[in-house]
């Protein structure tokens, strides 16, 4: 069972959660948050309030 996760973000400011030991997919960088899956998802819910990709925001 994986117990450590991290938050990643792409250039469009979309967020995702990855296992802490997994390599980032191309185009995704570490956002800086590490914790349980639930902690990471709670962080994303708090900071990603506009789900539109950056290129579609005004």
PDB file of N, CA and C in Angstrom:
ATOM      1  N   UNK A   1       0.839  -1.192   0.000  1.00  0.00           N
ATOM      2  CA  UNK A   1       0.000   0.000   0.000  1.00  0.00           C
ATOM      3  C   UNK A   1       0.880   1.251   0.000  1.00  0.00           C
ATOM      4  N   UNK A   2       0.542   2.192  -0.845  1.00  0.00           N
ATOM      5  CA  UNK A   2       1.288   3.449  -0.933  1.00  0.00           C
ATOM      6  C   UNK A   2       0.758   4.397   0.135  1.00  0.00           C
ATOM      7  N   UNK A   3       1.670   4.989   0.915  1.00  0.00           N
ATOM      8  CA  UNK A   3       1.213   5.903   1.961  1.00  0.00           C
ATOM      9  C   UNK A   3       1.718   7.324   1.781  1.00  0.00           C
ATOM     10  N   UNK A   4       2.602   7.563   0.823  1.00  0.00           N
ATOM     11  CA  UNK A   4       3.102   8.917   0.587  1.00  0.00           C
ATOM     12  C   UNK A   4       2.784   9.328  -0.844  1.00  0.00           C
ATOM     13  N   UNK A   5       2.153  10.483  -0.956  1.00  0.00           N
ATOM     14  CA  UNK A   5       1.777  11.044  -2.251  1.00  0.00           C
ATOM     15  C   UNK A   5       2.286  12.466  -2.347  1.00  0.00           C
ATOM     16  N   UNK A   6       2.249  13.003  -3.555  1.00  0.00           N
ATOM     17  CA  UNK A   6       2.623  14.404  -3.760  1.00  0.00           C
ATOM     18  C   UNK A   6       1.723  15.010  -4.818  1.00  0.00           C
ATOM     19  N   UNK A   7       1.617  16.327  -4.766  1.00  0.00           N
ATOM     20  CA  UNK A   7       0.793  17.076  -5.708  1.00  0.00           C
ATOM     21  C   UNK A   7       1.677  17.556  -6.845  1.00  0.00           C
ATOM     22  N   UNK A   8       1.200  17.367  -8.063  1.00  0.00           N
ATOM     23  CA  UNK A   8       1.896  17.860  -9.256  1.00  0.00           C
ATOM     24  C   UNK A   8       0.962  18.795 -10.015  1.00  0.00           C
ATOM     25  N   UNK A   9       1.582  19.663 -10.833  1.00  0.00           N
ATOM     26  CA  UNK A   9       0.814  20.655 -11.601  1.00  0.00           C
ATOM     27  C   UNK A   9       1.428  20.766 -12.981  1.00  0.00           C
ATOM     28  N   UNK A  10       0.581  21.010 -13.983  1.00  0.00           N
ATOM     29  CA  UNK A  10       1.096  21.191 -15.335  1.00  0.00           C
ATOM     30  C   UNK A  10       1.079  22.676 -15.719  1.00  0.00           C
ATOM     31  N   UNK A  11       1.509  22.979 -16.937  1.00  0.00           N
ATOM     32  CA  UNK A  11       1.590  24.374 -17.389  1.00  0.00           C
ATOM     33  C   UNK A  11       0.220  25.045 -17.488  1.00  0.00           C
ATOM     34  N   UNK A  12      -0.835  24.258 -17.587  1.00  0.00           N
ATOM     35  CA  UNK A  12      -2.197  24.798 -17.632  1.00  0.00           C
ATOM     36  C   UNK A  12      -2.770  24.984 -16.228  1.00  0.00           C
ATOM     37  N   UNK A  13      -1.932  24.785 -15.208  1.00  0.00           N
ATOM     38  CA  UNK A  13      -2.302  24.915 -13.799  1.00  0.00           C
ATOM     39  C   UNK A  13      -3.401  23.935 -13.404  1.00  0.00           C
ATOM     40  N   UNK A  14      -3.323  22.733 -13.958  1.00  0.00           N
ATOM     41  CA  UNK A  14      -4.181  21.633 -13.557  1.00  0.00           C
ATOM     42  C   UNK A  14      -3.388  20.783 -12.572  1.00  0.00           C
ATOM     43  N   UNK A  15      -4.071  20.213 -11.606  1.00  0.00           N
ATOM     44  CA  UNK A  15      -3.413  19.495 -10.522  1.00  0.00           C
ATOM     45  C   UNK A  15      -3.727  18.000 -10.577  1.00  0.00           C
ATOM     46  N   UNK A  16      -2.837  17.216  -9.998  1.00  0.00           N
ATOM     47  CA  UNK A  16      -3.035  15.783  -9.870  1.00  0.00           C
ATOM     48  C   UNK A  16      -2.234  15.281  -8.675  1.00  0.00           C
ATOM     49  N   UNK A  17      -2.490  14.042  -8.298  1.00  0.00           N
ATOM     50  CA  UNK A  17      -1.794  13.391  -7.194  1.00  0.00           C
ATOM     51  C   UNK A  17      -1.048  12.183  -7.749  1.00  0.00           C
ATOM     52  N   UNK A  18       0.206  12.040  -7.346  1.00  0.00           N
ATOM     53  CA  UNK A  18       1.021  10.891  -7.744  1.00  0.00           C
ATOM     54  C   UNK A  18       1.644  10.255  -6.516  1.00  0.00           C
ATOM     55  N   UNK A  19       1.915   8.950  -6.564  1.00  0.00           N
ATOM     56  CA  UNK A  19       2.707   8.348  -5.495  1.00  0.00           C
ATOM     57  C   UNK A  19       4.049   9.074  -5.393  1.00  0.00           C
ATOM     58  N   UNK A  20       4.540   9.240  -4.191  1.00  0.00           N
ATOM     59  CA  UNK A  20       5.749  10.037  -3.964  1.00  0.00           C
ATOM     60  C   UNK A  20       6.964   9.501  -4.710  1.00  0.00           C
ATOM     61  N   UNK A  21       7.010   8.192  -4.949  1.00  0.00           N
ATOM     62  CA  UNK A  21       8.186   7.617  -5.599  1.00  0.00           C
ATOM     63  C   UNK A  21       8.042   7.473  -7.121  1.00  0.00           C
ATOM     64  N   UNK A  22       6.960   7.952  -7.671  1.00  0.00           N
ATOM     65  CA  UNK A  22       6.720   7.848  -9.118  1.00  0.00           C
ATOM     66  C   UNK A  22       7.323   9.042  -9.850  1.00  0.00           C
ATOM     67  N   UNK A  23       7.891   8.798 -11.030  1.00  0.00           N
ATOM     68  CA  UNK A  23       8.416   9.884 -11.853  1.00  0.00           C
ATOM     69  C   UNK A  23       7.267  10.709 -12.413  1.00  0.00           C
ATOM     70  N   UNK A  24       7.502  12.003 -12.557  1.00  0.00           N
ATOM     71  CA  UNK A  24       6.480  12.877 -13.132  1.00  0.00           C
ATOM     72  C   UNK A  24       6.289  12.563 -14.609  1.00  0.00           C
ATOM     73  N   UNK A  25       5.044  12.537 -15.063  1.00  0.00           N
ATOM     74  CA  UNK A  25       4.815  12.420 -16.497  1.00  0.00           C
ATOM     75  C   UNK A  25       5.336  13.682 -17.192  1.00  0.00           C
ATOM     76  N   UNK A  26       5.633  13.610 -18.474  1.00  0.00           N
ATOM     77  CA  UNK A  26       6.095  14.803 -19.196  1.00  0.00           C
ATOM     78  C   UNK A  26       5.089  15.953 -19.042  1.00  0.00           C
ATOM     79  N   UNK A  27       5.603  17.147 -18.765  1.00  0.00           N
ATOM     80  CA  UNK A  27       4.771  18.335 -18.634  1.00  0.00           C
ATOM     81  C   UNK A  27       4.252  18.612 -17.232  1.00  0.00           C
ATOM     82  N   UNK A  28       4.543  17.743 -16.277  1.00  0.00           N
ATOM     83  CA  UNK A  28       4.073  17.914 -14.907  1.00  0.00           C
ATOM     84  C   UNK A  28       5.260  18.159 -13.983  1.00  0.00           C
ATOM     85  N   UNK A  29       5.101  19.089 -13.021  1.00  0.00           N
ATOM     86  CA  UNK A  29       6.155  19.406 -12.062  1.00  0.00           C
ATOM     87  C   UNK A  29       5.604  19.316 -10.646  1.00  0.00           C
ATOM     88  N   UNK A  30       6.492  19.111  -9.692  1.00  0.00           N
ATOM     89  CA  UNK A  30       6.086  19.060  -8.291  1.00  0.00           C
ATOM     90  C   UNK A  30       5.551  20.419  -7.853  1.00  0.00           C
ATOM     91  N   UNK A  31       4.443  20.406  -7.159  1.00  0.00           N
ATOM     92  CA  UNK A  31       3.828  21.622  -6.628  1.00  0.00           C
ATOM     93  C   UNK A  31       4.370  21.931  -5.242  1.00  0.00           C
ATOM     94  N   UNK A  32       4.813  20.901  -4.523  1.00  0.00           N
ATOM     95  CA  UNK A  32       5.426  21.120  -3.222  1.00  0.00           C
ATOM     96  C   UNK A  32       4.726  20.457  -2.056  1.00  0.00           C
ATOM     97  N   UNK A  33       3.524  19.959  -2.265  1.00  0.00           N
ATOM     98  CA  UNK A  33       2.769  19.324  -1.189  1.00  0.00           C
ATOM     99  C   UNK A  33       3.014  17.824  -1.196  1.00  0.00           C
ATOM    100  N   UNK A  34       3.337  17.271  -0.026  1.00  0.00           N
ATOM    101  CA  UNK A  34       3.549  15.841   0.154  1.00  0.00           C
ATOM    102  C   UNK A  34       2.745  15.408   1.366  1.00  0.00           C
ATOM    103  N   UNK A  35       2.084  14.254   1.286  1.00  0.00           N
ATOM    104  CA  UNK A  35       1.316  13.744   2.414  1.00  0.00           C
ATOM    105  C   UNK A  35       0.559  12.506   2.010  1.00  0.00           C
ATOM    106  N   UNK A  36      -0.482  12.218   2.764  1.00  0.00           N
ATOM    107  CA  UNK A  36      -1.339  11.102   2.397  1.00  0.00           C
ATOM    108  C   UNK A  36      -2.138  11.501   1.158  1.00  0.00           C
ATOM    109  N   UNK A  37      -2.742  10.521   0.515  1.00  0.00           N
ATOM    110  CA  UNK A  37      -3.572  10.823  -0.658  1.00  0.00           C
ATOM    111  C   UNK A  37      -4.681  11.798  -0.274  1.00  0.00           C
ATOM    112  N   UNK A  38      -5.303  11.575   0.866  1.00  0.00           N
ATOM    113  CA  UNK A  38      -6.395  12.431   1.329  1.00  0.00           C
ATOM    114  C   UNK A  38      -5.913  13.857   1.595  1.00  0.00           C
ATOM    115  N   UNK A  39      -4.726  14.006   2.193  1.00  0.00           N
ATOM    116  CA  UNK A  39      -4.179  15.345   2.444  1.00  0.00           C
ATOM    117  C   UNK A  39      -3.896  16.062   1.125  1.00  0.00           C
ATOM    118  N   UNK A  40      -3.339  15.338   0.168  1.00  0.00           N
ATOM    119  CA  UNK A  40      -3.037  15.943  -1.130  1.00  0.00           C
ATOM    120  C   UNK A  40      -4.314  16.361  -1.853  1.00  0.00           C
ATOM    121  N   UNK A  41      -5.327  15.503  -1.819  1.00  0.00           N
ATOM    122  CA  UNK A  41      -6.600  15.847  -2.461  1.00  0.00           C
ATOM    123  C   UNK A  41      -7.279  17.027  -1.776  1.00  0.00           C
ATOM    124  N   UNK A  42      -7.174  17.115  -0.455  1.00  0.00           N
ATOM    125  CA  UNK A  42      -7.737  18.256   0.276  1.00  0.00           C
ATOM    126  C   UNK A  42      -7.015  19.538  -0.113  1.00  0.00           C
ATOM    127  N   UNK A  43      -5.702  19.468  -0.260  1.00  0.00           N
ATOM    128  CA  UNK A  43      -4.934  20.643  -0.684  1.00  0.00           C
ATOM    129  C   UNK A  43      -5.369  21.085  -2.079  1.00  0.00           C
ATOM    130  N   UNK A  44      -5.500  20.133  -2.991  1.00  0.00           N
ATOM    131  CA  UNK A  44      -5.933  20.466  -4.351  1.00  0.00           C
ATOM    132  C   UNK A  44      -7.314  21.119  -4.320  1.00  0.00           C
ATOM    133  N   UNK A  45      -8.237  20.585  -3.544  1.00  0.00           N
ATOM    134  CA  UNK A  45      -9.578  21.146  -3.444  1.00  0.00           C
ATOM    135  C   UNK A  45      -9.544  22.584  -2.935  1.00  0.00           C
ATOM    136  N   UNK A  46      -8.576  22.899  -2.068  1.00  0.00           N
ATOM    137  CA  UNK A  46      -8.478  24.249  -1.506  1.00  0.00           C
ATOM    138  C   UNK A  46      -7.860  25.245  -2.487  1.00  0.00           C
ATOM    139  N   UNK A  47      -6.917  24.802  -3.312  1.00  0.00           N
ATOM    140  CA  UNK A  47      -6.197  25.748  -4.171  1.00  0.00           C
ATOM    141  C   UNK A  47      -6.664  25.764  -5.620  1.00  0.00           C
ATOM    142  N   UNK A  48      -7.289  24.702  -6.086  1.00  0.00           N
ATOM    143  CA  UNK A  48      -7.704  24.622  -7.490  1.00  0.00           C
ATOM    144  C   UNK A  48      -9.196  24.899  -7.568  1.00  0.00           C
ATOM    145  N   UNK A  49      -9.550  26.164  -7.452  1.00  0.00           N
ATOM    146  CA  UNK A  49     -10.957  26.554  -7.397  1.00  0.00           C
ATOM    147  C   UNK A  49     -11.556  26.839  -8.769  1.00  0.00           C
ATOM    148  N   UNK A  50     -10.731  27.144  -9.745  1.00  0.00           N
ATOM    149  CA  UNK A  50     -11.190  27.367 -11.115  1.00  0.00           C
ATOM    150  C   UNK A  50     -10.634  26.225 -11.961  1.00  0.00           C
ATOM    151  N   UNK A  51     -11.478  25.275 -12.310  1.00  0.00           N
ATOM    152  CA  UNK A  51     -11.012  24.068 -12.970  1.00  0.00           C
ATOM    153  C   UNK A  51     -10.707  24.251 -14.457  1.00  0.00           C
ATOM    154  N   UNK A  52     -10.979  25.426 -15.000  1.00  0.00           N
ATOM    155  CA  UNK A  52     -10.648  25.656 -16.401  1.00  0.00           C
ATOM    156  C   UNK A  52      -9.140  25.715 -16.580  1.00  0.00           C
ATOM    157  N   UNK A  53      -8.635  25.175 -17.695  1.00  0.00           N
ATOM    158  CA  UNK A  53      -7.205  25.307 -17.979  1.00  0.00           C
ATOM    159  C   UNK A  53      -6.817  26.794 -18.056  1.00  0.00           C
ATOM    160  N   UNK A  54      -5.594  27.095 -17.707  1.00  0.00           N
ATOM    161  CA  UNK A  54      -5.121  28.475 -17.688  1.00  0.00           C
ATOM    162  C   UNK A  54      -5.374  29.187 -19.010  1.00  0.00           C
ATOM    163  N   UNK A  55      -5.196  28.468 -20.116  1.00  0.00           N
ATOM    164  CA  UNK A  55      -5.367  29.087 -21.439  1.00  0.00           C
ATOM    165  C   UNK A  55      -6.815  29.502 -21.722  1.00  0.00           C
ATOM    166  N   UNK A  56      -7.785  28.992 -20.976  1.00  0.00           N
ATOM    167  CA  UNK A  56      -9.182  29.362 -21.200  1.00  0.00           C
ATOM    168  C   UNK A  56      -9.695  30.414 -20.229  1.00  0.00           C
ATOM    169  N   UNK A  57      -8.889  30.765 -19.237  1.00  0.00           N
ATOM    170  CA  UNK A  57      -9.304  31.804 -18.281  1.00  0.00           C
ATOM    171  C   UNK A  57      -9.037  33.179 -18.859  1.00  0.00           C
ATOM    172  N   UNK A  58      -9.886  34.106 -18.492  1.00  0.00           N
ATOM    173  CA  UNK A  58      -9.785  35.474 -19.014  1.00  0.00           C
ATOM    174  C   UNK A  58      -8.792  36.311 -18.408  1.00  0.00           C
TER     175      UNK A  58
END
